[in-house]
């Protein structure tokens, strides 16, 4: 098993009337990972599955505690990567990441997450951690 420490710091002196200072850390003991991966996305829509990138399927882990790190590695802020749930009717979008943005979040283990991009060739980086 490995230990992963995630931390997020949100701070601002001019967004609110008071100073914003949030610092949260979580320690996760993970027994499995999909490994860090990078792939170009050639699909620019949900209906073109051949170019979509599968980030996670419910077959990867069986425990309810699953975490996803995902990053749009593109330098152009207008080149979006969209993450959607392929296991739900209608394939709803979960996340949209403009170039350079990233996310780290807990996800439901009984889902299938895939990515498509606004611009063909945009590279997505991701890793999934499971506690089972």
C-alpha atoms as a PDB file:
ATOM      1  CA  UNK A   1       0.000   0.000   0.000  1.00  0.00           C
ATOM      2  CA  UNK A   2       1.041   3.559  -0.649  1.00  0.00           C
ATOM      3  CA  UNK A   3       0.175   6.830   0.986  1.00  0.00           C
ATOM      4  CA  UNK A   4      -0.949   9.789  -1.074  1.00  0.00           C
ATOM      5  CA  UNK A   5      -1.175  13.251   0.403  1.00  0.00           C
ATOM      6  CA  UNK A   6      -3.363  15.772  -1.381  1.00  0.00           C
ATOM      7  CA  UNK A   7      -3.459  19.412  -0.437  1.00  0.00           C
ATOM      8  CA  UNK A   8      -5.324  22.420  -1.731  1.00  0.00           C
ATOM      9  CA  UNK A   9      -4.712  26.006  -0.741  1.00  0.00           C
ATOM     10  CA  UNK A  10      -7.228  28.710  -1.610  1.00  0.00           C
ATOM     11  CA  UNK A  11      -6.197  32.208  -0.618  1.00  0.00           C
ATOM     12  CA  UNK A  12      -7.107  35.755  -1.562  1.00  0.00           C
ATOM     13  CA  UNK A  13      -6.912  39.176   0.003  1.00  0.00           C
ATOM     14  CA  UNK A  14      -9.276  40.922  -2.413  1.00  0.00           C
ATOM     15  CA  UNK A  15     -12.018  38.453  -3.382  1.00  0.00           C
ATOM     16  CA  UNK A  16     -14.113  38.787  -0.227  1.00  0.00           C
ATOM     17  CA  UNK A  17     -14.467  41.443   2.426  1.00  0.00           C
ATOM     18  CA  UNK A  18     -12.402  39.178   4.701  1.00  0.00           C
ATOM     19  CA  UNK A  19      -9.192  37.382   3.775  1.00  0.00           C
ATOM     20  CA  UNK A  20      -9.784  33.978   2.222  1.00  0.00           C
ATOM     21  CA  UNK A  21      -7.393  31.380   3.628  1.00  0.00           C
ATOM     22  CA  UNK A  22      -8.381  27.738   3.174  1.00  0.00           C
ATOM     23  CA  UNK A  23      -5.779  25.014   3.497  1.00  0.00           C
ATOM     24  CA  UNK A  24      -7.013  21.437   3.483  1.00  0.00           C
ATOM     25  CA  UNK A  25      -4.953  18.258   3.436  1.00  0.00           C
ATOM     26  CA  UNK A  26      -6.140  14.679   3.009  1.00  0.00           C
ATOM     27  CA  UNK A  27      -4.106  11.511   3.413  1.00  0.00           C
ATOM     28  CA  UNK A  28      -5.242   8.525   1.382  1.00  0.00           C
ATOM     29  CA  UNK A  29      -3.950   5.000   1.821  1.00  0.00           C
ATOM     30  CA  UNK A  30      -4.202   3.478  -1.635  1.00  0.00           C
ATOM     31  CA  UNK A  31      -3.573  -0.135  -2.462  1.00  0.00           C
ATOM     32  CA  UNK A  32      -4.031   0.201  -6.228  1.00  0.00           C
ATOM     33  CA  UNK A  33      -3.536   2.739  -8.988  1.00  0.00           C
ATOM     34  CA  UNK A  34      -4.000   2.818 -12.718  1.00  0.00           C
ATOM     35  CA  UNK A  35      -0.608   4.531 -12.952  1.00  0.00           C
ATOM     36  CA  UNK A  36       0.087   7.976 -14.353  1.00  0.00           C
ATOM     37  CA  UNK A  37      -0.880   8.164 -18.020  1.00  0.00           C
ATOM     38  CA  UNK A  38      -0.923  10.722 -20.831  1.00  0.00           C
ATOM     39  CA  UNK A  39      -2.857  10.285 -24.060  1.00  0.00           C
ATOM     40  CA  UNK A  40      -3.852  12.521 -26.947  1.00  0.00           C
ATOM     41  CA  UNK A  41      -7.603  12.838 -27.416  1.00  0.00           C
ATOM     42  CA  UNK A  42      -8.717  12.793 -31.042  1.00  0.00           C
ATOM     43  CA  UNK A  43     -12.464  12.740 -30.409  1.00  0.00           C
ATOM     44  CA  UNK A  44     -14.143  16.153 -30.361  1.00  0.00           C
ATOM     45  CA  UNK A  45     -17.604  14.851 -29.395  1.00  0.00           C
ATOM     46  CA  UNK A  46     -19.233  12.185 -27.246  1.00  0.00           C
ATOM     47  CA  UNK A  47     -20.553  10.291 -30.250  1.00  0.00           C
ATOM     48  CA  UNK A  48     -17.113   9.519 -31.668  1.00  0.00           C
ATOM     49  CA  UNK A  49     -15.940   6.847 -29.237  1.00  0.00           C
ATOM     50  CA  UNK A  50     -12.889   5.814 -31.264  1.00  0.00           C
ATOM     51  CA  UNK A  51     -10.968   8.939 -30.263  1.00  0.00           C
ATOM     52  CA  UNK A  52     -12.198   9.248 -26.699  1.00  0.00           C
ATOM     53  CA  UNK A  53      -9.866   8.395 -23.829  1.00  0.00           C
ATOM     54  CA  UNK A  54     -11.180   6.109 -21.078  1.00  0.00           C
ATOM     55  CA  UNK A  55      -9.955   7.387 -17.724  1.00  0.00           C
ATOM     56  CA  UNK A  56     -11.728   4.913 -15.453  1.00  0.00           C
ATOM     57  CA  UNK A  57     -14.180   2.010 -15.625  1.00  0.00           C
ATOM     58  CA  UNK A  58     -16.014   0.282 -12.796  1.00  0.00           C
ATOM     59  CA  UNK A  59     -13.916  -2.827 -13.531  1.00  0.00           C
ATOM     60  CA  UNK A  60     -10.750  -1.020 -12.378  1.00  0.00           C
ATOM     61  CA  UNK A  61     -11.598  -1.124  -8.653  1.00  0.00           C
ATOM     62  CA  UNK A  62     -14.366  -2.633  -6.528  1.00  0.00           C
ATOM     63  CA  UNK A  63     -14.149  -0.445  -3.434  1.00  0.00           C
ATOM     64  CA  UNK A  64     -16.205   2.717  -3.024  1.00  0.00           C
ATOM     65  CA  UNK A  65     -13.147   4.844  -2.270  1.00  0.00           C
ATOM     66  CA  UNK A  66     -11.723   5.865  -5.628  1.00  0.00           C
ATOM     67  CA  UNK A  67      -9.945   9.137  -6.489  1.00  0.00           C
ATOM     68  CA  UNK A  68      -9.191  10.734  -9.851  1.00  0.00           C
ATOM     69  CA  UNK A  69      -6.419  13.173 -10.738  1.00  0.00           C
ATOM     70  CA  UNK A  70      -6.862  14.639 -14.228  1.00  0.00           C
ATOM     71  CA  UNK A  71      -5.134  17.486 -16.094  1.00  0.00           C
ATOM     72  CA  UNK A  72      -5.564  19.162 -19.462  1.00  0.00           C
ATOM     73  CA  UNK A  73      -1.917  19.609 -20.487  1.00  0.00           C
ATOM     74  CA  UNK A  74      -2.682  22.032 -23.330  1.00  0.00           C
ATOM     75  CA  UNK A  75      -1.153  25.524 -23.042  1.00  0.00           C
ATOM     76  CA  UNK A  76      -4.103  27.201 -24.784  1.00  0.00           C
ATOM     77  CA  UNK A  77      -6.785  28.171 -22.272  1.00  0.00           C
ATOM     78  CA  UNK A  78      -9.542  27.894 -24.884  1.00  0.00           C
ATOM     79  CA  UNK A  79      -8.773  24.207 -25.658  1.00  0.00           C
ATOM     80  CA  UNK A  80     -11.089  22.334 -23.305  1.00  0.00           C
ATOM     81  CA  UNK A  81     -11.102  18.700 -22.205  1.00  0.00           C
ATOM     82  CA  UNK A  82     -14.501  17.361 -21.172  1.00  0.00           C
ATOM     83  CA  UNK A  83     -14.904  14.428 -18.769  1.00  0.00           C
ATOM     84  CA  UNK A  84     -18.216  12.599 -18.958  1.00  0.00           C
ATOM     85  CA  UNK A  85     -19.921   9.606 -17.344  1.00  0.00           C
ATOM     86  CA  UNK A  86     -20.411   6.962 -20.019  1.00  0.00           C
ATOM     87  CA  UNK A  87     -22.272   4.646 -17.598  1.00  0.00           C
ATOM     88  CA  UNK A  88     -25.276   6.972 -17.203  1.00  0.00           C
ATOM     89  CA  UNK A  89     -28.029   7.558 -19.745  1.00  0.00           C
ATOM     90  CA  UNK A  90     -27.296  10.739 -21.656  1.00  0.00           C
ATOM     91  CA  UNK A  91     -23.552  10.666 -20.901  1.00  0.00           C
ATOM     92  CA  UNK A  92     -23.573  13.763 -18.666  1.00  0.00           C
ATOM     93  CA  UNK A  93     -20.468  15.937 -18.537  1.00  0.00           C
ATOM     94  CA  UNK A  94     -18.857  15.962 -15.098  1.00  0.00           C
ATOM     95  CA  UNK A  95     -15.975  18.343 -15.621  1.00  0.00           C
ATOM     96  CA  UNK A  96     -14.671  20.760 -18.223  1.00  0.00           C
ATOM     97  CA  UNK A  97     -11.005  21.706 -17.942  1.00  0.00           C
ATOM     98  CA  UNK A  98      -9.504  24.506 -19.984  1.00  0.00           C
ATOM     99  CA  UNK A  99      -5.868  24.267 -21.026  1.00  0.00           C
ATOM    100  CA  UNK A 100      -3.603  24.003 -17.971  1.00  0.00           C
ATOM    101  CA  UNK A 101      -6.396  23.221 -15.506  1.00  0.00           C
ATOM    102  CA  UNK A 102      -6.508  20.109 -13.317  1.00  0.00           C
ATOM    103  CA  UNK A 103      -8.781  18.405 -10.808  1.00  0.00           C
ATOM    104  CA  UNK A 104      -8.445  15.900  -7.975  1.00  0.00           C
ATOM    105  CA  UNK A 105     -11.686  14.434  -6.689  1.00  0.00           C
ATOM    106  CA  UNK A 106     -13.364  11.373  -5.229  1.00  0.00           C
ATOM    107  CA  UNK A 107     -15.443   9.515  -7.813  1.00  0.00           C
ATOM    108  CA  UNK A 108     -18.089   6.824  -7.667  1.00  0.00           C
ATOM    109  CA  UNK A 109     -16.584   3.406  -8.249  1.00  0.00           C
ATOM    110  CA  UNK A 110     -19.500   2.216 -10.387  1.00  0.00           C
ATOM    111  CA  UNK A 111     -18.988   4.615 -13.239  1.00  0.00           C
ATOM    112  CA  UNK A 112     -17.084   4.877 -16.484  1.00  0.00           C
ATOM    113  CA  UNK A 113     -15.338   8.173 -17.108  1.00  0.00           C
ATOM    114  CA  UNK A 114     -14.207   9.146 -20.590  1.00  0.00           C
ATOM    115  CA  UNK A 115     -12.726  12.289 -22.097  1.00  0.00           C
ATOM    116  CA  UNK A 116     -13.189  14.157 -25.354  1.00  0.00           C
ATOM    117  CA  UNK A 117     -11.579  17.437 -26.362  1.00  0.00           C
ATOM    118  CA  UNK A 118     -12.519  20.641 -28.066  1.00  0.00           C
ATOM    119  CA  UNK A 119      -9.408  20.342 -30.226  1.00  0.00           C
ATOM    120  CA  UNK A 120      -8.210  17.008 -31.613  1.00  0.00           C
ATOM    121  CA  UNK A 121      -4.778  16.079 -30.287  1.00  0.00           C
ATOM    122  CA  UNK A 122      -5.172  17.717 -26.866  1.00  0.00           C
ATOM    123  CA  UNK A 123      -3.283  15.600 -24.319  1.00  0.00           C
ATOM    124  CA  UNK A 124      -4.967  14.530 -21.089  1.00  0.00           C
ATOM    125  CA  UNK A 125      -2.971  13.329 -18.073  1.00  0.00           C
ATOM    126  CA  UNK A 126      -4.623  11.208 -15.382  1.00  0.00           C
ATOM    127  CA  UNK A 127      -4.233   8.741 -12.549  1.00  0.00           C
ATOM    128  CA  UNK A 128      -6.813   6.840 -10.508  1.00  0.00           C
ATOM    129  CA  UNK A 129      -6.201   5.673  -6.930  1.00  0.00           C
ATOM    130  CA  UNK A 130      -8.249   2.934  -5.253  1.00  0.00           C
ATOM    131  CA  UNK A 131      -8.327   1.766  -1.652  1.00  0.00           C
ATOM    132  CA  UNK A 132      -9.343  -1.853  -2.335  1.00  0.00           C
END
